Amino acid sequence: PFAFPVGVWSSPEAAYYGLSTQQCKDMGIDAAEGVALYAECLRGLVFSPNGLLKLVYDKSNGQIVGVHICGDDACELIHYGMELVKAERTIDDILKNL
């Protein structure tokens, strides 16, 4: 799941990189997920409120292990998610930058 991001140019677009919550469970990783709607941020409200971002993270250390996006520009935005996973960023890293 870490070879490359996967994107589907459909309507709406869908893309992911890394693990899902179920894959984590199957691997014995105690994972949780956080979901943010496009409509919850200013850019989403202005350009496209229909979409969501899901971050899957390891509860033990907060490390982001998967990113899932559904909505406009998901196939372009997933590359930012890939960087989060590859750089072993944590949920705390994200919160510090809000």
PDB file of N, CA and C in Angstrom:
ATOM      1  N   PRO A   1       0.810  -1.220   0.000  1.00  0.00           N
ATOM      2  CA  PRO A   1       0.000   0.000   0.000  1.00  0.00           C
ATOM      3  C   PRO A   1       0.842   1.268   0.000  1.00  0.00           C
ATOM      4  N   PHE A   2       2.179   1.131   0.069  1.00  0.00           N
ATOM      5  CA  PHE A   2       3.024   2.318   0.127  1.00  0.00           C
ATOM      6  C   PHE A   2       3.833   2.533  -1.145  1.00  0.00           C
ATOM      7  N   ALA A   3       3.517   1.820  -2.219  1.00  0.00           N
ATOM      8  CA  ALA A   3       4.277   1.962  -3.455  1.00  0.00           C
ATOM      9  C   ALA A   3       3.967   3.286  -4.149  1.00  0.00           C
ATOM     10  N   PHE A   4       2.710   3.626  -4.258  1.00  0.00           N
ATOM     11  CA  PHE A   4       2.306   4.852  -4.930  1.00  0.00           C
ATOM     12  C   PHE A   4       0.873   5.182  -4.533  1.00  0.00           C
ATOM     13  N   PRO A   5       0.471   6.453  -4.692  1.00  0.00           N
ATOM     14  CA  PRO A   5      -0.913   6.819  -4.379  1.00  0.00           C
ATOM     15  C   PRO A   5      -1.852   6.275  -5.453  1.00  0.00           C
ATOM     16  N   VAL A   6      -3.069   6.025  -5.052  1.00  0.00           N
ATOM     17  CA  VAL A   6      -4.085   5.534  -5.977  1.00  0.00           C
ATOM     18  C   VAL A   6      -5.153   6.609  -6.117  1.00  0.00           C
ATOM     19  N   GLY A   7      -5.499   6.919  -7.358  1.00  0.00           N
ATOM     20  CA  GLY A   7      -6.536   7.915  -7.603  1.00  0.00           C
ATOM     21  C   GLY A   7      -7.497   7.452  -8.678  1.00  0.00           C
ATOM     22  N   VAL A   8      -8.748   7.826  -8.531  1.00  0.00           N
ATOM     23  CA  VAL A   8      -9.776   7.509  -9.514  1.00  0.00           C
ATOM     24  C   VAL A   8     -10.400   8.827  -9.957  1.00  0.00           C
ATOM     25  N   TRP A   9     -10.217   9.146 -11.254  1.00  0.00           N
ATOM     26  CA  TRP A   9     -10.782  10.374 -11.795  1.00  0.00           C
ATOM     27  C   TRP A   9     -12.228  10.109 -12.175  1.00  0.00           C
ATOM     28  N   SER A  10     -13.070  10.187 -11.176  1.00  0.00           N
ATOM     29  CA  SER A  10     -14.505   9.994 -11.356  1.00  0.00           C
ATOM     30  C   SER A  10     -15.192  11.243 -10.825  1.00  0.00           C
ATOM     31  N   SER A  11     -16.461  11.171 -10.645  1.00  0.00           N
ATOM     32  CA  SER A  11     -17.179  12.299 -10.062  1.00  0.00           C
ATOM     33  C   SER A  11     -18.045  11.785  -8.922  1.00  0.00           C
ATOM     34  N   PRO A  12     -17.609  11.968  -7.676  1.00  0.00           N
ATOM     35  CA  PRO A  12     -16.431  12.723  -7.252  1.00  0.00           C
ATOM     36  C   PRO A  12     -15.151  11.902  -7.391  1.00  0.00           C
ATOM     37  N   GLU A  13     -14.021  12.606  -7.372  1.00  0.00           N
ATOM     38  CA  GLU A  13     -12.731  11.924  -7.395  1.00  0.00           C
ATOM     39  C   GLU A  13     -12.498  11.232  -6.054  1.00  0.00           C
ATOM     40  N   ALA A  14     -11.734  10.148  -6.080  1.00  0.00           N
ATOM     41  CA  ALA A  14     -11.369   9.444  -4.857  1.00  0.00           C
ATOM     42  C   ALA A  14      -9.895   9.069  -4.951  1.00  0.00           C
ATOM     43  N   ALA A  15      -9.187   9.165  -3.832  1.00  0.00           N
ATOM     44  CA  ALA A  15      -7.764   8.836  -3.821  1.00  0.00           C
ATOM     45  C   ALA A  15      -7.360   8.398  -2.420  1.00  0.00           C
ATOM     46  N   TYR A  16      -6.319   7.547  -2.377  1.00  0.00           N
ATOM     47  CA  TYR A  16      -5.807   7.141  -1.072  1.00  0.00           C
ATOM     48  C   TYR A  16      -4.332   6.805  -1.175  1.00  0.00           C
ATOM     49  N   TYR A  17      -3.697   6.834  -0.014  1.00  0.00           N
ATOM     50  CA  TYR A  17      -2.317   6.391   0.107  1.00  0.00           C
ATOM     51  C   TYR A  17      -2.157   5.788   1.494  1.00  0.00           C
ATOM     52  N   GLY A  18      -1.517   4.641   1.569  1.00  0.00           N
ATOM     53  CA  GLY A  18      -1.273   4.011   2.855  1.00  0.00           C
ATOM     54  C   GLY A  18      -2.371   3.046   3.250  1.00  0.00           C
ATOM     55  N   LEU A  19      -2.552   2.905   4.553  1.00  0.00           N
ATOM     56  CA  LEU A  19      -3.438   1.889   5.096  1.00  0.00           C
ATOM     57  C   LEU A  19      -4.827   2.414   5.429  1.00  0.00           C
ATOM     58  N   SER A  20      -5.782   1.511   5.378  1.00  0.00           N
ATOM     59  CA  SER A  20      -7.127   1.804   5.872  1.00  0.00           C
ATOM     60  C   SER A  20      -7.201   1.379   7.333  1.00  0.00           C
ATOM     61  N   THR A  21      -8.253   1.763   8.003  1.00  0.00           N
ATOM     62  CA  THR A  21      -8.438   1.346   9.393  1.00  0.00           C
ATOM     63  C   THR A  21      -8.537  -0.172   9.482  1.00  0.00           C
ATOM     64  N   GLN A  22      -9.231  -0.800   8.532  1.00  0.00           N
ATOM     65  CA  GLN A  22      -9.367  -2.258   8.541  1.00  0.00           C
ATOM     66  C   GLN A  22      -8.018  -2.935   8.313  1.00  0.00           C
ATOM     67  N   GLN A  23      -7.213  -2.424   7.398  1.00  0.00           N
ATOM     68  CA  GLN A  23      -5.888  -2.997   7.170  1.00  0.00           C
ATOM     69  C   GLN A  23      -5.030  -2.909   8.433  1.00  0.00           C
ATOM     70  N   CYS A  24      -5.134  -1.796   9.136  1.00  0.00           N
ATOM     71  CA  CYS A  24      -4.400  -1.655  10.400  1.00  0.00           C
ATOM     72  C   CYS A  24      -4.853  -2.712  11.388  1.00  0.00           C
ATOM     73  N   LYS A  25      -6.149  -2.883  11.493  1.00  0.00           N
ATOM     74  CA  LYS A  25      -6.691  -3.886  12.413  1.00  0.00           C
ATOM     75  C   LYS A  25      -6.161  -5.275  12.064  1.00  0.00           C
ATOM     76  N   ASP A  26      -6.175  -5.600  10.769  1.00  0.00           N
ATOM     77  CA  ASP A  26      -5.682  -6.899  10.316  1.00  0.00           C
ATOM     78  C   ASP A  26      -4.197  -7.088  10.619  1.00  0.00           C
ATOM     79  N   MET A  27      -3.446  -5.994  10.675  1.00  0.00           N
ATOM     80  CA  MET A  27      -2.002  -6.050  10.932  1.00  0.00           C
ATOM     81  C   MET A  27      -1.668  -5.925  12.415  1.00  0.00           C
ATOM     82  N   GLY A  28      -2.699  -5.786  13.246  1.00  0.00           N
ATOM     83  CA  GLY A  28      -2.467  -5.656  14.682  1.00  0.00           C
ATOM     84  C   GLY A  28      -2.101  -4.257  15.133  1.00  0.00           C
ATOM     85  N   ILE A  29      -2.359  -3.265  14.299  1.00  0.00           N
ATOM     86  CA  ILE A  29      -2.090  -1.871  14.647  1.00  0.00           C
ATOM     87  C   ILE A  29      -3.365  -1.282  15.237  1.00  0.00           C
ATOM     88  N   ASP A  30      -3.256  -0.693  16.424  1.00  0.00           N
ATOM     89  CA  ASP A  30      -4.406  -0.055  17.058  1.00  0.00           C
ATOM     90  C   ASP A  30      -4.556   1.334  16.443  1.00  0.00           C
ATOM     91  N   ALA A  31      -5.435   1.445  15.465  1.00  0.00           N
ATOM     92  CA  ALA A  31      -5.558   2.677  14.689  1.00  0.00           C
ATOM     93  C   ALA A  31      -6.879   3.380  14.965  1.00  0.00           C
ATOM     94  N   ALA A  32      -6.875   4.657  14.692  1.00  0.00           N
ATOM     95  CA  ALA A  32      -8.074   5.479  14.765  1.00  0.00           C
ATOM     96  C   ALA A  32      -8.089   6.351  13.513  1.00  0.00           C
ATOM     97  N   GLU A  33      -9.165   7.056  13.312  1.00  0.00           N
ATOM     98  CA  GLU A  33      -9.242   7.938  12.148  1.00  0.00           C
ATOM     99  C   GLU A  33      -9.901   9.253  12.516  1.00  0.00           C
ATOM    100  N   GLY A  34      -9.489  10.265  11.801  1.00  0.00           N
ATOM    101  CA  GLY A  34     -10.095  11.588  11.928  1.00  0.00           C
ATOM    102  C   GLY A  34     -10.608  11.996  10.562  1.00  0.00           C
ATOM    103  N   VAL A  35     -11.780  12.608  10.532  1.00  0.00           N
ATOM    104  CA  VAL A  35     -12.399  13.006   9.270  1.00  0.00           C
ATOM    105  C   VAL A  35     -12.664  14.508   9.294  1.00  0.00           C
ATOM    106  N   ALA A  36     -12.333  15.166   8.191  1.00  0.00           N
ATOM    107  CA  ALA A  36     -12.624  16.593   8.018  1.00  0.00           C
ATOM    108  C   ALA A  36     -13.354  16.767   6.697  1.00  0.00           C
ATOM    109  N   LEU A  37     -14.408  17.520   6.727  1.00  0.00           N
ATOM    110  CA  LEU A  37     -15.175  17.807   5.517  1.00  0.00           C
ATOM    111  C   LEU A  37     -14.589  19.022   4.809  1.00  0.00           C
ATOM    112  N   TYR A  38     -14.620  19.011   3.492  1.00  0.00           N
ATOM    113  CA  TYR A  38     -14.171  20.181   2.722  1.00  0.00           C
ATOM    114  C   TYR A  38     -14.905  21.429   3.207  1.00  0.00           C
ATOM    115  N   ALA A  39     -16.180  21.279   3.515  1.00  0.00           N
ATOM    116  CA  ALA A  39     -17.012  22.419   3.907  1.00  0.00           C
ATOM    117  C   ALA A  39     -16.579  23.029   5.240  1.00  0.00           C
ATOM    118  N   GLU A  40     -15.699  22.357   5.975  1.00  0.00           N
ATOM    119  CA  GLU A  40     -15.247  22.852   7.264  1.00  0.00           C
ATOM    120  C   GLU A  40     -14.029  23.771   7.166  1.00  0.00           C
ATOM    121  N   CYS A  41     -13.543  23.996   5.947  1.00  0.00           N
ATOM    122  CA  CYS A  41     -12.427  24.931   5.798  1.00  0.00           C
ATOM    123  C   CYS A  41     -12.800  25.985   4.755  1.00  0.00           C
ATOM    124  N   LEU A  42     -12.168  27.135   4.847  1.00  0.00           N
ATOM    125  CA  LEU A  42     -12.509  28.265   3.982  1.00  0.00           C
ATOM    126  C   LEU A  42     -12.344  27.933   2.508  1.00  0.00           C
ATOM    127  N   ARG A  43     -11.235  27.312   2.139  1.00  0.00           N
ATOM    128  CA  ARG A  43     -11.016  26.975   0.729  1.00  0.00           C
ATOM    129  C   ARG A  43     -12.120  26.058   0.207  1.00  0.00           C
ATOM    130  N   GLY A  44     -12.509  25.098   1.032  1.00  0.00           N
ATOM    131  CA  GLY A  44     -13.585  24.198   0.642  1.00  0.00           C
ATOM    132  C   GLY A  44     -14.896  24.930   0.464  1.00  0.00           C
ATOM    133  N   LEU A  45     -15.188  25.857   1.344  1.00  0.00           N
ATOM    134  CA  LEU A  45     -16.422  26.628   1.232  1.00  0.00           C
ATOM    135  C   LEU A  45     -16.447  27.468  -0.038  1.00  0.00           C
ATOM    136  N   VAL A  46     -15.297  28.022  -0.391  1.00  0.00           N
ATOM    137  CA  VAL A  46     -15.216  28.899  -1.563  1.00  0.00           C
ATOM    138  C   VAL A  46     -15.232  28.105  -2.866  1.00  0.00           C
ATOM    139  N   PHE A  47     -14.422  27.028  -2.939  1.00  0.00           N
ATOM    140  CA  PHE A  47     -14.238  26.337  -4.206  1.00  0.00           C
ATOM    141  C   PHE A  47     -15.078  25.075  -4.378  1.00  0.00           C
ATOM    142  N   SER A  48     -15.190  24.271  -3.348  1.00  0.00           N
ATOM    143  CA  SER A  48     -15.887  23.005  -3.500  1.00  0.00           C
ATOM    144  C   SER A  48     -16.194  22.406  -2.125  1.00  0.00           C
ATOM    145  N   PRO A  49     -17.389  22.622  -1.614  1.00  0.00           N
ATOM    146  CA  PRO A  49     -17.697  22.140  -0.265  1.00  0.00           C
ATOM    147  C   PRO A  49     -17.995  20.643  -0.176  1.00  0.00           C
ATOM    148  N   ASN A  50     -18.103  19.967  -1.322  1.00  0.00           N
ATOM    149  CA  ASN A  50     -18.492  18.557  -1.314  1.00  0.00           C
ATOM    150  C   ASN A  50     -17.266  17.651  -1.376  1.00  0.00           C
ATOM    151  N   GLY A  51     -16.833  17.184  -0.235  1.00  0.00           N
ATOM    152  CA  GLY A  51     -15.698  16.277  -0.176  1.00  0.00           C
ATOM    153  C   GLY A  51     -15.258  16.076   1.255  1.00  0.00           C
ATOM    154  N   LEU A  52     -14.333  15.127   1.427  1.00  0.00           N
ATOM    155  CA  LEU A  52     -13.823  14.875   2.774  1.00  0.00           C
ATOM    156  C   LEU A  52     -12.413  14.315   2.723  1.00  0.00           C
ATOM    157  N   LEU A  53     -11.736  14.474   3.846  1.00  0.00           N
ATOM    158  CA  LEU A  53     -10.391  13.962   4.058  1.00  0.00           C
ATOM    159  C   LEU A  53     -10.440  13.074   5.288  1.00  0.00           C
ATOM    160  N   LYS A  54      -9.834  11.891   5.205  1.00  0.00           N
ATOM    161  CA  LYS A  54      -9.745  11.002   6.362  1.00  0.00           C
ATOM    162  C   LYS A  54      -8.278  10.664   6.585  1.00  0.00           C
ATOM    163  N   LEU A  55      -7.820  10.865   7.811  1.00  0.00           N
ATOM    164  CA  LEU A  55      -6.474  10.490   8.203  1.00  0.00           C
ATOM    165  C   LEU A  55      -6.575   9.284   9.127  1.00  0.00           C
ATOM    166  N   VAL A  56      -5.836   8.235   8.812  1.00  0.00           N
ATOM    167  CA  VAL A  56      -5.759   7.039   9.655  1.00  0.00           C
ATOM    168  C   VAL A  56      -4.428   7.114  10.395  1.00  0.00           C
ATOM    169  N   TYR A  57      -4.469   6.937  11.719  1.00  0.00           N
ATOM    170  CA  TYR A  57      -3.239   7.056  12.490  1.00  0.00           C
ATOM    171  C   TYR A  57      -3.136   5.979  13.564  1.00  0.00           C
ATOM    172  N   ASP A  58      -1.896   5.684  13.907  1.00  0.00           N
ATOM    173  CA  ASP A  58      -1.582   4.705  14.937  1.00  0.00           C
ATOM    174  C   ASP A  58      -1.818   5.372  16.296  1.00  0.00           C
ATOM    175  N   LYS A  59      -2.696   4.801  17.101  1.00  0.00           N
ATOM    176  CA  LYS A  59      -3.021   5.392  18.399  1.00  0.00           C
ATOM    177  C   LYS A  59      -1.824   5.425  19.346  1.00  0.00           C
ATOM    178  N   SER A  60      -0.911   4.485  19.204  1.00  0.00           N
ATOM    179  CA  SER A  60       0.205   4.401  20.156  1.00  0.00           C
ATOM    180  C   SER A  60       1.175   5.573  20.043  1.00  0.00           C
ATOM    181  N   ASN A  61       1.323   6.127  18.846  1.00  0.00           N
ATOM    182  CA  ASN A  61       2.291   7.214  18.672  1.00  0.00           C
ATOM    183  C   ASN A  61       1.773   8.378  17.817  1.00  0.00           C
ATOM    184  N   GLY A  62       0.554   8.272  17.328  1.00  0.00           N
ATOM    185  CA  GLY A  62      -0.031   9.347  16.533  1.00  0.00           C
ATOM    186  C   GLY A  62       0.432   9.382  15.088  1.00  0.00           C
ATOM    187  N   GLN A  63       1.291   8.445  14.677  1.00  0.00           N
ATOM    188  CA  GLN A  63       1.833   8.465  13.314  1.00  0.00           C
ATOM    189  C   GLN A  63       0.737   8.215  12.287  1.00  0.00           C
ATOM    190  N   ILE A  64       0.700   9.058  11.279  1.00  0.00           N
ATOM    191  CA  ILE A  64      -0.274   8.924  10.198  1.00  0.00           C
ATOM    192  C   ILE A  64       0.171   7.773   9.301  1.00  0.00           C
ATOM    193  N   VAL A  65      -0.724   6.807   9.100  1.00  0.00           N
ATOM    194  CA  VAL A  65      -0.391   5.625   8.298  1.00  0.00           C
ATOM    195  C   VAL A  65      -1.252   5.509   7.046  1.00  0.00           C
ATOM    196  N   GLY A  66      -2.249   6.379   6.908  1.00  0.00           N
ATOM    197  CA  GLY A  66      -3.100   6.346   5.725  1.00  0.00           C
ATOM    198  C   GLY A  66      -3.838   7.650   5.539  1.00  0.00           C
ATOM    199  N   VAL A  67      -4.051   8.010   4.280  1.00  0.00           N
ATOM    200  CA  VAL A  67      -4.790   9.220   3.927  1.00  0.00           C
ATOM    201  C   VAL A  67      -5.785   8.852   2.836  1.00  0.00           C
ATOM    202  N   HIS A  68      -7.035   9.273   3.012  1.00  0.00           N
ATOM    203  CA  HIS A  68      -8.103   8.968   2.067  1.00  0.00           C
ATOM    204  C   HIS A  68      -8.851  10.263   1.782  1.00  0.00           C
ATOM    205  N   ILE A  69      -9.073  10.542   0.500  1.00  0.00           N
ATOM    206  CA  ILE A  69      -9.739  11.778   0.099  1.00  0.00           C
ATOM    207  C   ILE A  69     -10.825  11.446  -0.911  1.00  0.00           C
ATOM    208  N   CYS A  70     -11.968  12.062  -0.741  1.00  0.00           N
ATOM    209  CA  CYS A  70     -13.056  11.931  -1.705  1.00  0.00           C
ATOM    210  C   CYS A  70     -13.615  13.327  -1.957  1.00  0.00           C
ATOM    211  N   GLY A  71     -13.586  13.760  -3.214  1.00  0.00           N
ATOM    212  CA  GLY A  71     -14.075  15.091  -3.563  1.00  0.00           C
ATOM    213  C   GLY A  71     -13.237  15.692  -4.675  1.00  0.00           C
ATOM    214  N   ASP A  72     -13.580  16.912  -5.039  1.00  0.00           N
ATOM    215  CA  ASP A  72     -12.854  17.601  -6.103  1.00  0.00           C
ATOM    216  C   ASP A  72     -11.359  17.666  -5.796  1.00  0.00           C
ATOM    217  N   ASP A  73     -10.546  17.435  -6.812  1.00  0.00           N
ATOM    218  CA  ASP A  73      -9.083  17.517  -6.744  1.00  0.00           C
ATOM    219  C   ASP A  73      -8.441  16.475  -5.830  1.00  0.00           C
ATOM    220  N   ALA A  74      -9.170  15.429  -5.474  1.00  0.00           N
ATOM    221  CA  ALA A  74      -8.611  14.392  -4.599  1.00  0.00           C
ATOM    222  C   ALA A  74      -7.341  13.785  -5.192  1.00  0.00           C
ATOM    223  N   CYS A  75      -7.323  13.586  -6.495  1.00  0.00           N
ATOM    224  CA  CYS A  75      -6.168  12.939  -7.138  1.00  0.00           C
ATOM    225  C   CYS A  75      -4.930  13.829  -7.133  1.00  0.00           C
ATOM    226  N   GLU A  76      -5.107  15.130  -7.028  1.00  0.00           N
ATOM    227  CA  GLU A  76      -3.973  16.033  -6.896  1.00  0.00           C
ATOM    228  C   GLU A  76      -3.581  16.200  -5.431  1.00  0.00           C
ATOM    229  N   LEU A  77      -4.562  16.276  -4.554  1.00  0.00           N
ATOM    230  CA  LEU A  77      -4.303  16.507  -3.140  1.00  0.00           C
ATOM    231  C   LEU A  77      -3.668  15.314  -2.442  1.00  0.00           C
ATOM    232  N   ILE A  78      -3.871  14.109  -2.962  1.00  0.00           N
ATOM    233  CA  ILE A  78      -3.357  12.919  -2.286  1.00  0.00           C
ATOM    234  C   ILE A  78      -1.837  12.938  -2.165  1.00  0.00           C
ATOM    235  N   HIS A  79      -1.159  13.662  -3.025  1.00  0.00           N
ATOM    236  CA  HIS A  79       0.299  13.731  -2.946  1.00  0.00           C
ATOM    237  C   HIS A  79       0.759  14.418  -1.655  1.00  0.00           C
ATOM    238  N   TYR A  80      -0.047  15.348  -1.143  1.00  0.00           N
ATOM    239  CA  TYR A  80       0.264  15.950   0.156  1.00  0.00           C
ATOM    240  C   TYR A  80       0.095  14.900   1.257  1.00  0.00           C
ATOM    241  N   GLY A  81      -0.931  14.084   1.130  1.00  0.00           N
ATOM    242  CA  GLY A  81      -1.143  13.000   2.087  1.00  0.00           C
ATOM    243  C   GLY A  81      -0.023  11.983   2.051  1.00  0.00           C
ATOM    244  N   MET A  82       0.461  11.691   0.858  1.00  0.00           N
ATOM    245  CA  MET A  82       1.567  10.749   0.712  1.00  0.00           C
ATOM    246  C   MET A  82       2.801  11.271   1.457  1.00  0.00           C
ATOM    247  N   GLU A  83       3.044  12.558   1.378  1.00  0.00           N
ATOM    248  CA  GLU A  83       4.185  13.151   2.078  1.00  0.00           C
ATOM    249  C   GLU A  83       4.022  12.985   3.587  1.00  0.00           C
ATOM    250  N   LEU A  84       2.810  13.120   4.097  1.00  0.00           N
ATOM    251  CA  LEU A  84       2.571  12.952   5.535  1.00  0.00           C
ATOM    252  C   LEU A  84       2.944  11.546   5.991  1.00  0.00           C
ATOM    253  N   VAL A  85       2.547  10.554   5.202  1.00  0.00           N
ATOM    254  CA  VAL A  85       2.822   9.160   5.557  1.00  0.00           C
ATOM    255  C   VAL A  85       4.316   8.851   5.411  1.00  0.00           C
ATOM    256  N   LYS A  86       4.892   9.220   4.289  1.00  0.00           N
ATOM    257  CA  LYS A  86       6.304   8.904   4.029  1.00  0.00           C
ATOM    258  C   LYS A  86       7.236   9.597   5.025  1.00  0.00           C
ATOM    259  N   ALA A  87       6.878  10.801   5.442  1.00  0.00           N
ATOM    260  CA  ALA A  87       7.714  11.557   6.379  1.00  0.00           C
ATOM    261  C   ALA A  87       7.413  11.174   7.829  1.00  0.00           C
ATOM    262  N   GLU A  88       6.520  10.205   8.024  1.00  0.00           N
ATOM    263  CA  GLU A  88       6.159   9.722   9.356  1.00  0.00           C
ATOM    264  C   GLU A  88       5.649  10.843  10.254  1.00  0.00           C
ATOM    265  N   ARG A  89       4.850  11.715   9.676  1.00  0.00           N
ATOM    266  CA  ARG A  89       4.245  12.805  10.440  1.00  0.00           C
ATOM    267  C   ARG A  89       3.197  12.240  11.400  1.00  0.00           C
ATOM    268  N   THR A  90       2.914  13.011  12.435  1.00  0.00           N
ATOM    269  CA  THR A  90       1.929  12.594  13.421  1.00  0.00           C
ATOM    270  C   THR A  90       0.726  13.534  13.417  1.00  0.00           C
ATOM    271  N   ILE A  91      -0.307  13.095  14.096  1.00  0.00           N
ATOM    272  CA  ILE A  91      -1.479  13.958  14.261  1.00  0.00           C
ATOM    273  C   ILE A  91      -1.077  15.249  14.965  1.00  0.00           C
ATOM    274  N   ASP A  92      -0.175  15.164  15.944  1.00  0.00           N
ATOM    275  CA  ASP A  92       0.301  16.359  16.635  1.00  0.00           C
ATOM    276  C   ASP A  92       0.987  17.319  15.674  1.00  0.00           C
ATOM    277  N   ASP A  93       1.756  16.799  14.715  1.00  0.00           N
ATOM    278  CA  ASP A  93       2.390  17.667  13.711  1.00  0.00           C
ATOM    279  C   ASP A  93       1.337  18.457  12.946  1.00  0.00           C
ATOM    280  N   ILE A  94       0.257  17.778  12.598  1.00  0.00           N
ATOM    281  CA  ILE A  94      -0.828  18.441  11.854  1.00  0.00           C
ATOM    282  C   ILE A  94      -1.468  19.526  12.709  1.00  0.00           C
ATOM    283  N   LEU A  95      -1.779  19.187  13.951  1.00  0.00           N
ATOM    284  CA  LEU A  95      -2.448  20.147  14.843  1.00  0.00           C
ATOM    285  C   LEU A  95      -1.593  21.373  15.116  1.00  0.00           C
ATOM    286  N   LYS A  96      -0.282  21.212  15.151  1.00  0.00           N
ATOM    287  CA  LYS A  96       0.615  22.339  15.390  1.00  0.00           C
ATOM    288  C   LYS A  96       0.599  23.327  14.223  1.00  0.00           C
ATOM    289  N   ASN A  97       0.193  22.857  13.038  1.00  0.00           N
ATOM    290  CA  ASN A  97       0.208  23.704  11.853  1.00  0.00           C
ATOM    291  C   ASN A  97      -1.162  24.282  11.502  1.00  0.00           C
ATOM    292  N   LEU A  98      -2.139  24.084  12.353  1.00  0.00           N
ATOM    293  CA  LEU A  98      -3.477  24.640  12.076  1.00  0.00           C
ATOM    294  C   LEU A  98      -3.578  26.053  12.568  1.00  0.00           C
TER     295      LEU A  98
END
